[in-house]
Amino acid sequence: MGVMRDNMRNMAERDVQLQDLEGKSNTLHVASGTFSAHATRLRKEQEWQRCKTRLAIISVVLFLIWILIFIFIGERMTFLIISAVLLAIILPLTWCGIRHWRQQEDQESFRDVDSI
C-alpha cells in the first residue's frame, strides 16, 4: 500500500512539473515570436536607413555632375529647361515609388506582428 501511495505522490508531482514546464514553454514561444517580429522590424528600419543614405549620396553626386555640365555647356537656358522638365518627371515618380515601398514594408510588419 505504501508503494502505491508513493507512486501516486510521484505522479502528482510529475504532473505539476509538466504543467509548469508547459507554461514556461508557452511563455517562451510568445517571447520568441515577439522577438522575431521586433528583429524583422529593426532589420527593415535599418534597410530603410541605408536606402536613404544611398539616395542622399547619389543625389549629391548627380547634383555635382549637373553643376559641372552647367558650367561647361554652351546653351545654358536649354540645359536649364531640360533639367527642370526631367526633375519634374523624376521627383514625383521617385516619391511615389518610395511611398509604395514603405507601405509594403508596413503591411509586411503588420503581418509579422499578427502572426505572433
N, C-alpha and C. Protein backbone atom coordinates (compact mmCIF):
# COMPACT_ATOMS: atom_id res chain seq x y z
N MET A 1 0.82 -1.20 0.00
CA MET A 1 0.00 0.00 0.00
C MET A 1 0.86 1.26 0.00
N GLY A 2 1.98 1.24 0.73
CA GLY A 2 2.87 2.39 0.81
C GLY A 2 3.53 2.70 -0.53
N VAL A 3 3.87 1.64 -1.28
CA VAL A 3 4.48 1.82 -2.60
C VAL A 3 3.50 2.50 -3.54
N MET A 4 2.24 2.10 -3.43
CA MET A 4 1.21 2.68 -4.30
C MET A 4 1.02 4.16 -3.98
N ARG A 5 1.03 4.52 -2.69
CA ARG A 5 0.91 5.93 -2.32
C ARG A 5 2.10 6.73 -2.83
N ASP A 6 3.30 6.16 -2.70
CA ASP A 6 4.50 6.85 -3.20
C ASP A 6 4.40 7.06 -4.71
N ASN A 7 3.93 6.05 -5.41
CA ASN A 7 3.77 6.18 -6.87
C ASN A 7 2.74 7.25 -7.23
N MET A 8 1.64 7.31 -6.47
CA MET A 8 0.60 8.32 -6.71
C MET A 8 1.15 9.72 -6.42
N ARG A 9 1.90 9.86 -5.34
CA ARG A 9 2.50 11.14 -4.99
C ARG A 9 3.51 11.57 -6.07
N ASN A 10 4.32 10.63 -6.53
CA ASN A 10 5.30 10.92 -7.59
C ASN A 10 4.59 11.33 -8.88
N MET A 11 3.47 10.64 -9.19
CA MET A 11 2.70 11.01 -10.38
C MET A 11 2.14 12.42 -10.26
N ALA A 12 1.62 12.77 -9.09
CA ALA A 12 1.07 14.11 -8.87
C ALA A 12 2.16 15.17 -9.00
N GLU A 13 3.33 14.89 -8.41
CA GLU A 13 4.45 15.83 -8.53
C GLU A 13 4.90 15.98 -9.98
N ARG A 14 4.96 14.88 -10.69
CA ARG A 14 5.36 14.91 -12.10
C ARG A 14 4.34 15.71 -12.92
N ASP A 15 3.06 15.56 -12.61
CA ASP A 15 2.01 16.30 -13.31
C ASP A 15 2.18 17.80 -13.09
N VAL A 16 2.47 18.20 -11.84
CA VAL A 16 2.69 19.62 -11.53
C VAL A 16 3.91 20.13 -12.30
N GLN A 17 4.98 19.34 -12.33
CA GLN A 17 6.18 19.74 -13.05
C GLN A 17 5.91 19.87 -14.55
N LEU A 18 5.13 18.94 -15.09
CA LEU A 18 4.81 19.00 -16.52
C LEU A 18 3.95 20.24 -16.84
N GLN A 19 3.01 20.57 -15.98
CA GLN A 19 2.19 21.76 -16.19
C GLN A 19 3.04 23.02 -16.11
N ASP A 20 3.98 23.03 -15.15
CA ASP A 20 4.89 24.18 -15.03
C ASP A 20 5.75 24.31 -16.28
N LEU A 21 6.25 23.19 -16.76
CA LEU A 21 7.08 23.19 -17.96
C LEU A 21 6.27 23.64 -19.18
N GLU A 22 5.01 23.22 -19.26
CA GLU A 22 4.16 23.64 -20.37
C GLU A 22 3.92 25.16 -20.33
N GLY A 23 3.69 25.71 -19.14
CA GLY A 23 3.51 27.15 -19.01
C GLY A 23 4.75 27.92 -19.42
N LYS A 24 5.91 27.43 -19.00
CA LYS A 24 7.17 28.08 -19.38
C LYS A 24 7.39 27.98 -20.88
N SER A 25 7.03 26.85 -21.47
CA SER A 25 7.17 26.66 -22.91
C SER A 25 6.29 27.64 -23.68
N ASN A 26 5.06 27.82 -23.22
CA ASN A 26 4.16 28.77 -23.88
C ASN A 26 4.69 30.20 -23.76
N THR A 27 5.20 30.55 -22.58
CA THR A 27 5.77 31.88 -22.38
C THR A 27 6.96 32.10 -23.32
N LEU A 28 7.82 31.10 -23.43
CA LEU A 28 8.98 31.19 -24.31
C LEU A 28 8.55 31.32 -25.77
N HIS A 29 7.51 30.61 -26.15
CA HIS A 29 7.02 30.69 -27.53
C HIS A 29 6.53 32.10 -27.86
N VAL A 30 5.77 32.69 -26.95
CA VAL A 30 5.27 34.05 -27.16
C VAL A 30 6.44 35.04 -27.21
N ALA A 31 7.39 34.88 -26.30
CA ALA A 31 8.55 35.78 -26.26
C ALA A 31 9.38 35.66 -27.54
N SER A 32 9.54 34.45 -28.05
CA SER A 32 10.33 34.27 -29.28
C SER A 32 9.61 34.88 -30.48
N GLY A 33 8.29 34.77 -30.51
CA GLY A 33 7.54 35.39 -31.61
C GLY A 33 7.65 36.90 -31.57
N THR A 34 7.56 37.48 -30.38
CA THR A 34 7.70 38.92 -30.23
C THR A 34 9.11 39.36 -30.64
N PHE A 35 10.11 38.62 -30.18
CA PHE A 35 11.49 38.94 -30.55
C PHE A 35 11.67 38.89 -32.06
N SER A 36 11.12 37.88 -32.70
CA SER A 36 11.24 37.74 -34.14
C SER A 36 10.61 38.92 -34.87
N ALA A 37 9.43 39.34 -34.42
CA ALA A 37 8.75 40.47 -35.05
C ALA A 37 9.56 41.75 -34.87
N HIS A 38 10.09 41.96 -33.68
CA HIS A 38 10.90 43.16 -33.43
C HIS A 38 12.20 43.14 -34.24
N ALA A 39 12.81 41.96 -34.35
CA ALA A 39 14.04 41.84 -35.13
C ALA A 39 13.77 42.13 -36.60
N THR A 40 12.65 41.64 -37.12
CA THR A 40 12.29 41.89 -38.51
C THR A 40 12.05 43.38 -38.74
N ARG A 41 11.32 44.01 -37.81
CA ARG A 41 11.05 45.44 -37.94
C ARG A 41 12.35 46.25 -37.89
N LEU A 42 13.25 45.88 -36.97
CA LEU A 42 14.53 46.57 -36.86
C LEU A 42 15.36 46.41 -38.13
N ARG A 43 15.36 45.20 -38.69
CA ARG A 43 16.10 44.96 -39.93
C ARG A 43 15.57 45.83 -41.06
N LYS A 44 14.24 45.94 -41.15
CA LYS A 44 13.64 46.75 -42.20
C LYS A 44 13.92 48.24 -41.99
N GLU A 45 13.91 48.68 -40.73
CA GLU A 45 14.24 50.08 -40.46
C GLU A 45 15.68 50.38 -40.83
N GLN A 46 16.60 49.47 -40.53
CA GLN A 46 18.00 49.66 -40.90
C GLN A 46 18.16 49.65 -42.41
N GLU A 47 17.43 48.79 -43.08
CA GLU A 47 17.48 48.75 -44.55
C GLU A 47 17.00 50.08 -45.13
N TRP A 48 15.94 50.63 -44.55
CA TRP A 48 15.41 51.92 -44.99
C TRP A 48 16.43 53.02 -44.75
N GLN A 49 17.13 53.00 -43.61
CA GLN A 49 18.16 53.99 -43.33
C GLN A 49 19.29 53.90 -44.36
N ARG A 50 19.71 52.66 -44.69
CA ARG A 50 20.76 52.50 -45.71
C ARG A 50 20.27 53.02 -47.06
N CYS A 51 19.01 52.77 -47.37
CA CYS A 51 18.45 53.24 -48.64
C CYS A 51 18.45 54.76 -48.69
N LYS A 52 18.06 55.40 -47.60
CA LYS A 52 18.05 56.86 -47.57
C LYS A 52 19.47 57.43 -47.71
N THR A 53 20.43 56.77 -47.07
CA THR A 53 21.82 57.22 -47.18
C THR A 53 22.30 57.11 -48.62
N ARG A 54 22.00 55.98 -49.25
CA ARG A 54 22.41 55.81 -50.66
C ARG A 54 21.75 56.85 -51.56
N LEU A 55 20.46 57.09 -51.33
CA LEU A 55 19.76 58.11 -52.13
C LEU A 55 20.37 59.49 -51.94
N ALA A 56 20.76 59.82 -50.72
CA ALA A 56 21.38 61.12 -50.46
C ALA A 56 22.73 61.23 -51.18
N ILE A 57 23.53 60.18 -51.11
CA ILE A 57 24.84 60.20 -51.78
C ILE A 57 24.66 60.30 -53.29
N ILE A 58 23.75 59.52 -53.84
CA ILE A 58 23.51 59.57 -55.29
C ILE A 58 23.01 60.96 -55.69
N SER A 59 22.14 61.55 -54.89
CA SER A 59 21.62 62.88 -55.20
C SER A 59 22.73 63.92 -55.22
N VAL A 60 23.63 63.85 -54.25
CA VAL A 60 24.74 64.81 -54.20
C VAL A 60 25.65 64.63 -55.41
N VAL A 61 25.96 63.39 -55.74
CA VAL A 61 26.83 63.13 -56.90
C VAL A 61 26.17 63.63 -58.18
N LEU A 62 24.88 63.34 -58.37
CA LEU A 62 24.19 63.80 -59.57
C LEU A 62 24.12 65.32 -59.62
N PHE A 63 23.93 65.96 -58.47
CA PHE A 63 23.89 67.42 -58.43
C PHE A 63 25.25 68.00 -58.81
N LEU A 64 26.32 67.39 -58.32
CA LEU A 64 27.66 67.87 -58.69
C LEU A 64 27.92 67.69 -60.18
N ILE A 65 27.50 66.57 -60.73
CA ILE A 65 27.65 66.35 -62.18
C ILE A 65 26.83 67.39 -62.94
N TRP A 66 25.64 67.68 -62.46
CA TRP A 66 24.78 68.67 -63.11
C TRP A 66 25.45 70.04 -63.09
N ILE A 67 26.06 70.40 -61.98
CA ILE A 67 26.75 71.70 -61.89
C ILE A 67 27.92 71.75 -62.87
N LEU A 68 28.69 70.67 -62.95
CA LEU A 68 29.81 70.63 -63.89
C LEU A 68 29.33 70.77 -65.33
N ILE A 69 28.28 70.05 -65.67
CA ILE A 69 27.74 70.16 -67.03
C ILE A 69 27.24 71.58 -67.28
N PHE A 70 26.57 72.17 -66.31
CA PHE A 70 26.03 73.52 -66.45
C PHE A 70 27.15 74.54 -66.68
N ILE A 71 28.27 74.34 -65.99
CA ILE A 71 29.38 75.28 -66.13
C ILE A 71 30.01 75.18 -67.52
N PHE A 72 30.14 73.98 -68.05
CA PHE A 72 30.87 73.78 -69.30
C PHE A 72 30.00 73.71 -70.55
N ILE A 73 28.70 73.82 -70.41
CA ILE A 73 27.83 73.74 -71.59
C ILE A 73 27.64 75.14 -72.18
N GLY A 74 27.41 75.17 -73.48
CA GLY A 74 27.27 76.47 -74.16
C GLY A 74 25.87 77.06 -74.01
N GLU A 75 24.84 76.28 -74.24
CA GLU A 75 23.47 76.80 -74.19
C GLU A 75 22.86 76.49 -72.83
N ARG A 76 23.02 77.42 -71.94
CA ARG A 76 22.59 77.19 -70.56
C ARG A 76 21.08 77.20 -70.40
N MET A 77 20.40 78.05 -71.14
CA MET A 77 18.95 78.15 -70.99
C MET A 77 18.26 76.84 -71.41
N THR A 78 18.68 76.27 -72.51
CA THR A 78 18.13 74.99 -72.96
C THR A 78 18.41 73.89 -71.94
N PHE A 79 19.63 73.90 -71.42
CA PHE A 79 20.01 72.91 -70.41
C PHE A 79 19.15 73.05 -69.16
N LEU A 80 18.89 74.29 -68.74
CA LEU A 80 18.06 74.52 -67.55
C LEU A 80 16.62 74.04 -67.78
N ILE A 81 16.08 74.29 -68.95
CA ILE A 81 14.72 73.87 -69.25
C ILE A 81 14.62 72.35 -69.27
N ILE A 82 15.55 71.70 -69.94
CA ILE A 82 15.56 70.24 -69.98
C ILE A 82 15.74 69.66 -68.58
N SER A 83 16.61 70.25 -67.79
CA SER A 83 16.83 69.80 -66.42
C SER A 83 15.57 69.94 -65.58
N ALA A 84 14.87 71.06 -65.73
CA ALA A 84 13.65 71.29 -64.96
C ALA A 84 12.57 70.29 -65.34
N VAL A 85 12.44 69.99 -66.63
CA VAL A 85 11.45 69.02 -67.08
C VAL A 85 11.78 67.62 -66.54
N LEU A 86 13.04 67.23 -66.65
CA LEU A 86 13.45 65.92 -66.14
C LEU A 86 13.23 65.82 -64.63
N LEU A 87 13.55 66.90 -63.92
CA LEU A 87 13.35 66.91 -62.47
C LEU A 87 11.87 66.81 -62.13
N ALA A 88 11.03 67.51 -62.91
CA ALA A 88 9.59 67.46 -62.67
C ALA A 88 9.01 66.07 -62.94
N ILE A 89 9.66 65.31 -63.79
CA ILE A 89 9.20 63.94 -64.07
C ILE A 89 9.75 62.95 -63.05
N ILE A 90 11.03 63.08 -62.74
CA ILE A 90 11.71 62.09 -61.89
C ILE A 90 11.30 62.20 -60.42
N LEU A 91 11.19 63.39 -59.88
CA LEU A 91 10.88 63.53 -58.45
C LEU A 91 9.54 62.92 -58.04
N PRO A 92 8.44 63.19 -58.75
CA PRO A 92 7.18 62.54 -58.33
C PRO A 92 7.22 61.03 -58.47
N LEU A 93 7.87 60.54 -59.53
CA LEU A 93 7.97 59.09 -59.70
C LEU A 93 8.78 58.46 -58.56
N THR A 94 9.88 59.09 -58.20
CA THR A 94 10.69 58.59 -57.10
C THR A 94 9.91 58.63 -55.80
N TRP A 95 9.22 59.73 -55.55
CA TRP A 95 8.45 59.89 -54.33
C TRP A 95 7.36 58.82 -54.24
N CYS A 96 6.65 58.59 -55.34
CA CYS A 96 5.61 57.57 -55.35
C CYS A 96 6.19 56.18 -55.15
N GLY A 97 7.33 55.91 -55.77
CA GLY A 97 7.97 54.60 -55.60
C GLY A 97 8.40 54.35 -54.17
N ILE A 98 9.00 55.33 -53.54
CA ILE A 98 9.43 55.19 -52.15
C ILE A 98 8.21 55.04 -51.24
N ARG A 99 7.18 55.82 -51.49
CA ARG A 99 5.96 55.74 -50.68
C ARG A 99 5.33 54.35 -50.80
N HIS A 100 5.27 53.83 -52.01
CA HIS A 100 4.71 52.50 -52.25
C HIS A 100 5.54 51.43 -51.54
N TRP A 101 6.86 51.55 -51.62
CA TRP A 101 7.76 50.61 -50.99
C TRP A 101 7.58 50.62 -49.47
N ARG A 102 7.45 51.83 -48.89
CA ARG A 102 7.25 51.94 -47.44
C ARG A 102 5.91 51.34 -47.01
N GLN A 103 4.87 51.52 -47.81
CA GLN A 103 3.57 50.94 -47.48
C GLN A 103 3.65 49.42 -47.48
N GLN A 104 4.36 48.86 -48.44
CA GLN A 104 4.53 47.41 -48.48
C GLN A 104 5.29 46.92 -47.25
N GLU A 105 6.33 47.66 -46.85
CA GLU A 105 7.10 47.31 -45.66
C GLU A 105 6.21 47.34 -44.42
N ASP A 106 5.37 48.37 -44.32
CA ASP A 106 4.47 48.48 -43.17
C ASP A 106 3.47 47.34 -43.13
N GLN A 107 2.93 46.98 -44.30
CA GLN A 107 1.97 45.88 -44.35
C GLN A 107 2.63 44.57 -43.95
N GLU A 108 3.87 44.36 -44.37
CA GLU A 108 4.59 43.14 -44.00
C GLU A 108 4.86 43.12 -42.50
N SER A 109 5.20 44.27 -41.93
CA SER A 109 5.47 44.29 -40.50
C SER A 109 4.19 44.04 -39.71
N PHE A 110 3.03 44.52 -40.21
CA PHE A 110 1.77 44.23 -39.54
C PHE A 110 1.47 42.74 -39.61
N ARG A 111 1.77 42.12 -40.75
CA ARG A 111 1.56 40.67 -40.87
C ARG A 111 2.45 39.91 -39.91
N ASP A 112 3.71 40.39 -39.74
CA ASP A 112 4.62 39.74 -38.82
C ASP A 112 4.10 39.83 -37.39
N VAL A 113 3.59 40.98 -37.00
CA VAL A 113 3.08 41.16 -35.64
C VAL A 113 1.81 40.35 -35.44
N ASP A 114 0.95 40.27 -36.45
CA ASP A 114 -0.28 39.50 -36.34
C ASP A 114 -0.02 38.00 -36.23
N SER A 115 1.07 37.54 -36.79
CA SER A 115 1.34 36.11 -36.77
C SER A 115 1.83 35.61 -35.41
N ILE A 116 2.08 36.54 -34.49
CA ILE A 116 2.59 36.14 -33.17
C ILE A 116 1.53 35.46 -32.36
